[in-house]
Amino acid sequence: MRAAVVAEYRKLVSTRLWWVLLIALVGYLAFVGGVLTFSIVFSPDDPDTAMPSGAEAAAGVYGLVNAIGYVFPLVIGSLMITTEFRYQTITQSLLVEPRRTVLLGGKLAVAVPLGLLYGAVGMTALVAVSAPLLALKGDGAFLTDPDVLAVILLGVVVTALWTVIGVGFGSVLPNQVAAVVVLLAFTQFVEPIARVALGAFDATSSVARFLPGAAADGLIGASLIGEMSGGSSELLPRWAALLVLLGYAAVLALVGRMTTLRRDIG
């Protein structure tokens, strides 16, 4: 397993894609985080608006690392395996490591520190832009508040989980173009619409909590998008949200191992 992990690490750092996506993540989080924070701290005092305030606003802003940024770790995770199929390097990889479970395990293992890196750098950029605005013009940055600190730390952890889920998804759908398109469509359109639609009815509001993005919000403990849209459903408790995300990762990896990595590859 150690040799497989080292090999996957070398494959990853030998390309520019991982740091290009990291730069894109930083820019995206900094820009959107700054815009949303600005809209919160400079919003008119209207009792009819749903803008959060205080520690709730700070936690919601810092939770954007999941609410809007989770597509990046998902994509880089999927590319760790779909790139091999696109350029047919999977054949050479299997010649070096014929045990396909070990090969997939190596990719999953490398995805964890990669996701932690994405989470740490992305969260740093988000806090660096948003905290000064919250401190100067809002109710405060709340960087010493235990609940807000938990959101920041768990935001990094959630990003690592998204990267692992991305690897599992890539093993299920090894076509690189199709995988990226599906991830973009799901994260930007399908799930947000599904969360609002399911949360609009009492009979289905509890189902919305088990969608991947909603579960990640539950683990972090903050959902600014949900609050600003009316808070359609409650979040899962953190322990349950963690189990849901681990379940997604395990199921996708198992399906990928039993389908894509079970077939003859040549």
Protein backbone atom coordinates (compact mmCIF):
# COMPACT_ATOMS: atom_id res chain seq x y z
CA MET A 1 0.00 0.00 0.00
CA ARG A 2 2.83 2.42 0.79
CA ALA A 3 4.24 2.04 -2.72
CA ALA A 4 0.79 2.69 -4.20
CA VAL A 5 0.37 5.85 -2.12
CA VAL A 6 3.80 7.14 -3.13
CA ALA A 7 3.05 6.40 -6.79
CA GLU A 8 -0.28 8.25 -6.65
CA TYR A 9 1.35 11.22 -4.94
CA ARG A 10 3.97 11.44 -7.68
CA LYS A 11 1.31 11.24 -10.39
CA LEU A 12 -0.57 14.07 -8.75
CA VAL A 13 2.30 16.52 -8.25
CA SER A 14 3.78 15.82 -11.69
CA THR A 15 0.91 17.76 -13.30
CA ARG A 16 -0.16 21.39 -13.00
CA LEU A 17 -3.86 20.65 -12.68
CA TRP A 18 -3.94 20.32 -8.89
CA TRP A 19 -2.49 23.77 -8.22
CA VAL A 20 -4.43 25.41 -11.07
CA LEU A 21 -7.68 24.23 -9.48
CA LEU A 22 -6.38 25.33 -6.08
CA ILE A 23 -5.78 28.85 -7.39
CA ALA A 24 -9.27 28.85 -8.93
CA LEU A 25 -10.74 27.76 -5.59
CA VAL A 26 -8.94 30.56 -3.74
CA GLY A 27 -10.08 33.20 -6.21
CA TYR A 28 -13.66 31.94 -6.28
CA LEU A 29 -14.04 31.76 -2.50
CA ALA A 30 -12.37 35.12 -1.96
CA PHE A 31 -14.57 36.86 -4.52
CA VAL A 32 -17.93 35.32 -3.60
CA GLY A 33 -17.15 35.46 0.12
CA GLY A 34 -16.27 39.13 -0.15
CA VAL A 35 -19.40 39.96 -2.14
CA LEU A 36 -21.74 38.10 0.24
CA THR A 37 -20.07 39.55 3.31
CA PHE A 38 -20.37 43.03 1.82
CA SER A 39 -24.07 42.44 1.15
CA ILE A 40 -24.59 41.34 4.75
CA VAL A 41 -22.75 44.13 6.55
CA PHE A 42 -24.09 46.88 4.32
CA SER A 43 -27.66 45.60 4.02
CA PRO A 44 -30.38 48.02 5.18
CA ASP A 45 -31.97 47.37 8.57
CA ASP A 46 -35.15 45.87 7.23
CA PRO A 47 -37.02 43.40 9.50
CA ASP A 48 -38.43 41.71 6.40
CA THR A 49 -34.99 40.64 5.14
CA ALA A 50 -33.53 37.27 6.06
CA MET A 51 -29.92 38.42 6.49
CA PRO A 52 -28.19 36.71 9.47
CA SER A 53 -26.19 38.70 12.00
CA GLY A 54 -23.57 38.27 14.71
CA ALA A 55 -21.86 34.91 15.15
CA GLU A 56 -24.52 33.33 12.94
CA ALA A 57 -23.47 35.53 10.04
CA ALA A 58 -19.77 34.85 10.60
CA ALA A 59 -20.32 31.09 10.76
CA GLY A 60 -22.46 31.21 7.63
CA VAL A 61 -19.86 33.16 5.68
CA TYR A 62 -17.01 30.86 6.70
CA GLY A 63 -19.22 27.89 5.83
CA LEU A 64 -19.18 29.03 2.20
CA VAL A 65 -16.09 26.83 1.77
CA ASN A 66 -18.62 24.01 1.53
CA ALA A 67 -21.70 25.79 0.21
CA ILE A 68 -20.01 27.10 -2.95
CA GLY A 69 -16.51 25.64 -2.92
CA TYR A 70 -17.13 21.91 -2.74
CA VAL A 71 -17.18 21.46 -6.51
CA PHE A 72 -13.39 22.00 -6.65
CA PRO A 73 -12.34 19.10 -4.37
CA LEU A 74 -14.95 16.92 -6.06
CA VAL A 75 -13.50 17.67 -9.49
CA ILE A 76 -9.84 17.21 -8.52
CA GLY A 77 -10.75 13.96 -6.77
CA SER A 78 -12.53 12.63 -9.85
CA LEU A 79 -9.65 13.70 -12.10
CA MET A 80 -7.23 11.61 -10.05
CA ILE A 81 -8.77 8.53 -11.64
CA THR A 82 -10.55 9.72 -14.80
CA THR A 83 -7.32 11.22 -16.15
CA GLU A 84 -5.78 7.75 -16.13
CA PHE A 85 -8.58 6.41 -18.29
CA ARG A 86 -8.53 9.37 -20.65
CA TYR A 87 -4.80 9.10 -21.37
CA GLN A 88 -4.68 5.30 -20.97
CA THR A 89 -2.07 5.45 -18.20
CA ILE A 90 -4.34 3.14 -16.21
CA THR A 91 -2.79 0.22 -18.12
CA GLN A 92 0.72 1.06 -16.94
CA SER A 93 -0.57 1.70 -13.42
CA LEU A 94 -2.11 -1.77 -13.30
CA LEU A 95 1.07 -3.34 -14.62
CA VAL A 96 2.98 -1.78 -11.73
CA GLU A 97 0.22 -2.48 -9.18
CA PRO A 98 -2.08 -5.26 -10.45
CA ARG A 99 -4.09 -5.34 -7.21
CA ARG A 100 -6.92 -3.03 -8.16
CA THR A 101 -8.20 -2.59 -4.63
CA VAL A 102 -4.75 -1.39 -3.56
CA LEU A 103 -4.61 0.95 -6.56
CA LEU A 104 -7.94 2.52 -5.63
CA GLY A 105 -6.96 2.62 -1.97
CA GLY A 106 -3.80 4.53 -2.85
CA LYS A 107 -5.82 7.16 -4.68
CA LEU A 108 -8.25 7.48 -1.77
CA ALA A 109 -5.36 7.83 0.68
CA VAL A 110 -3.71 10.61 -1.33
CA ALA A 111 -7.05 12.38 -1.67
CA VAL A 112 -7.19 13.01 2.09
CA PRO A 113 -4.12 15.28 2.45
CA LEU A 114 -4.90 16.88 -0.90
CA GLY A 115 -8.39 17.74 0.33
CA LEU A 116 -7.02 19.05 3.61
CA LEU A 117 -4.68 21.31 1.64
CA TYR A 118 -7.56 22.59 -0.50
CA GLY A 119 -9.65 23.17 2.59
CA ALA A 120 -6.93 24.95 4.55
CA VAL A 121 -5.90 27.25 1.70
CA GLY A 122 -9.48 27.93 0.60
CA MET A 123 -10.63 28.67 4.15
CA THR A 124 -7.64 30.97 4.71
CA ALA A 125 -8.55 32.97 1.61
CA LEU A 126 -12.20 33.14 2.62
CA VAL A 127 -11.45 34.29 6.17
CA ALA A 128 -8.79 36.75 4.99
CA VAL A 129 -11.33 38.56 2.82
CA SER A 130 -14.47 38.20 4.93
CA ALA A 131 -13.21 38.64 8.50
CA PRO A 132 -11.98 42.26 8.08
CA LEU A 133 -15.36 43.29 6.63
CA LEU A 134 -17.22 41.56 9.44
CA ALA A 135 -14.93 43.12 12.05
CA LEU A 136 -14.95 46.67 10.67
CA LYS A 137 -18.51 47.07 9.44
CA GLY A 138 -20.43 44.13 10.86
CA ASP A 139 -21.01 42.69 14.33
CA GLY A 140 -17.53 41.15 14.48
CA ALA A 141 -15.45 38.39 12.90
CA PHE A 142 -15.96 36.06 15.90
CA LEU A 143 -12.67 34.25 15.25
CA THR A 144 -12.40 33.35 18.94
CA ASP A 145 -15.95 32.04 19.25
CA PRO A 146 -15.86 28.23 19.78
CA ASP A 147 -18.81 27.59 17.48
CA VAL A 148 -17.32 29.71 14.69
CA LEU A 149 -13.91 28.06 15.12
CA ALA A 150 -15.63 24.68 14.80
CA VAL A 151 -17.11 25.80 11.48
CA ILE A 152 -13.67 26.84 10.24
CA LEU A 153 -11.93 23.62 11.27
CA LEU A 154 -14.72 21.33 10.09
CA GLY A 155 -14.83 23.21 6.80
CA VAL A 156 -11.31 21.95 6.16
CA VAL A 157 -12.30 18.41 7.12
CA VAL A 158 -15.36 18.50 4.85
CA THR A 159 -13.20 19.54 1.90
CA ALA A 160 -11.07 16.43 2.43
CA LEU A 161 -14.21 14.29 2.47
CA TRP A 162 -15.37 15.87 -0.78
CA THR A 163 -12.05 14.97 -2.41
CA VAL A 164 -12.42 11.35 -1.32
CA ILE A 165 -16.00 11.30 -2.63
CA GLY A 166 -14.68 12.71 -5.91
CA VAL A 167 -12.26 9.80 -6.28
CA GLY A 168 -15.10 7.37 -5.66
CA PHE A 169 -17.29 9.12 -8.21
CA GLY A 170 -14.48 9.06 -10.77
CA SER A 171 -14.15 5.32 -10.31
CA VAL A 172 -17.86 4.92 -11.06
CA LEU A 173 -17.83 7.25 -14.10
CA PRO A 174 -14.32 7.05 -15.59
CA ASN A 175 -15.13 9.16 -18.65
CA GLN A 176 -13.42 12.44 -17.73
CA VAL A 177 -15.64 14.83 -19.67
CA ALA A 178 -18.83 13.13 -18.51
CA ALA A 179 -17.67 13.07 -14.89
CA VAL A 180 -16.84 16.79 -14.82
CA VAL A 181 -20.11 17.72 -16.56
CA VAL A 182 -22.17 15.62 -14.15
CA LEU A 183 -20.39 17.08 -11.11
CA LEU A 184 -20.87 20.64 -12.32
CA ALA A 185 -24.53 20.03 -13.14
CA PHE A 186 -25.22 18.32 -9.82
CA THR A 187 -23.43 20.80 -7.57
CA GLN A 188 -24.56 23.97 -9.33
CA PHE A 189 -28.10 23.09 -10.39
CA VAL A 190 -29.53 19.70 -9.39
CA GLU A 191 -28.82 19.64 -5.66
CA PRO A 192 -29.57 23.32 -4.93
CA ILE A 193 -32.92 23.01 -6.69
CA ALA A 194 -33.62 19.67 -5.01
CA ARG A 195 -32.86 21.10 -1.55
CA VAL A 196 -35.28 23.97 -2.07
CA ALA A 197 -37.96 21.77 -3.63
CA LEU A 198 -37.77 19.01 -1.02
CA GLY A 199 -37.55 21.50 1.82
CA ALA A 200 -40.72 23.25 0.70
CA PHE A 201 -42.93 20.36 1.87
CA ASP A 202 -43.14 18.89 5.36
CA ALA A 203 -43.35 15.35 3.98
CA THR A 204 -40.02 15.63 2.14
CA SER A 205 -38.09 18.22 4.15
CA SER A 206 -36.29 15.53 6.15
CA VAL A 207 -35.09 13.89 2.92
CA ALA A 208 -33.30 17.08 1.86
CA ARG A 209 -30.99 16.80 4.86
CA PHE A 210 -29.45 13.62 3.43
CA LEU A 211 -28.37 15.15 0.14
CA PRO A 212 -24.56 15.41 -0.04
CA GLY A 213 -24.30 19.19 0.20
CA ALA A 214 -26.88 19.39 2.98
CA ALA A 215 -25.08 16.66 4.93
CA ALA A 216 -21.83 18.60 4.58
CA ASP A 217 -23.58 21.72 5.88
CA GLY A 218 -24.73 19.64 8.82
CA LEU A 219 -21.18 18.52 9.58
CA ILE A 220 -19.91 22.09 9.42
CA GLY A 221 -22.89 23.34 11.40
CA ALA A 222 -23.68 26.34 9.21
CA SER A 223 -25.58 27.01 6.00
CA LEU A 224 -25.71 30.65 4.95
CA ILE A 225 -27.43 29.78 1.67
CA GLY A 226 -30.15 27.90 3.54
CA GLU A 227 -30.67 30.76 6.00
CA MET A 228 -30.87 33.40 3.28
CA SER A 229 -33.37 31.29 1.33
CA GLY A 230 -35.61 30.88 4.34
CA GLY A 231 -34.04 27.92 6.15
CA SER A 232 -36.19 25.32 4.45
CA SER A 233 -35.02 22.40 6.58
CA GLU A 234 -32.98 21.68 9.66
CA LEU A 235 -29.48 20.29 9.34
CA LEU A 236 -28.42 16.83 10.43
CA PRO A 237 -26.49 16.57 13.70
CA ARG A 238 -22.76 16.47 13.09
CA TRP A 239 -22.29 12.79 13.89
CA ALA A 240 -25.08 11.79 11.51
CA ALA A 241 -23.82 14.13 8.79
CA LEU A 242 -20.34 12.59 9.06
CA LEU A 243 -21.78 9.09 8.69
CA VAL A 244 -23.79 10.16 5.63
CA LEU A 245 -20.73 11.62 3.90
CA LEU A 246 -18.59 8.58 4.76
CA GLY A 247 -21.41 6.43 3.43
CA TYR A 248 -21.41 8.27 0.11
CA ALA A 249 -17.64 7.85 -0.15
CA ALA A 250 -17.75 4.15 0.73
CA VAL A 251 -20.63 3.30 -1.61
CA LEU A 252 -19.11 5.13 -4.58
CA ALA A 253 -15.70 3.53 -4.04
CA LEU A 254 -17.26 0.08 -3.68
CA VAL A 255 -19.39 0.49 -6.81
CA GLY A 256 -16.38 1.75 -8.75
CA ARG A 257 -14.29 -1.20 -7.58
CA MET A 258 -16.99 -3.72 -8.49
CA THR A 259 -17.74 -2.21 -11.91
CA THR A 260 -15.08 -0.07 -13.60
CA LEU A 261 -12.08 -1.67 -11.90
CA ARG A 262 -13.44 -5.17 -12.33
CA ARG A 263 -13.59 -5.04 -16.11
CA ASP A 264 -10.74 -5.91 -18.43
CA ILE A 265 -8.70 -2.78 -19.12
CA GLY A 266 -6.39 -2.52 -22.07
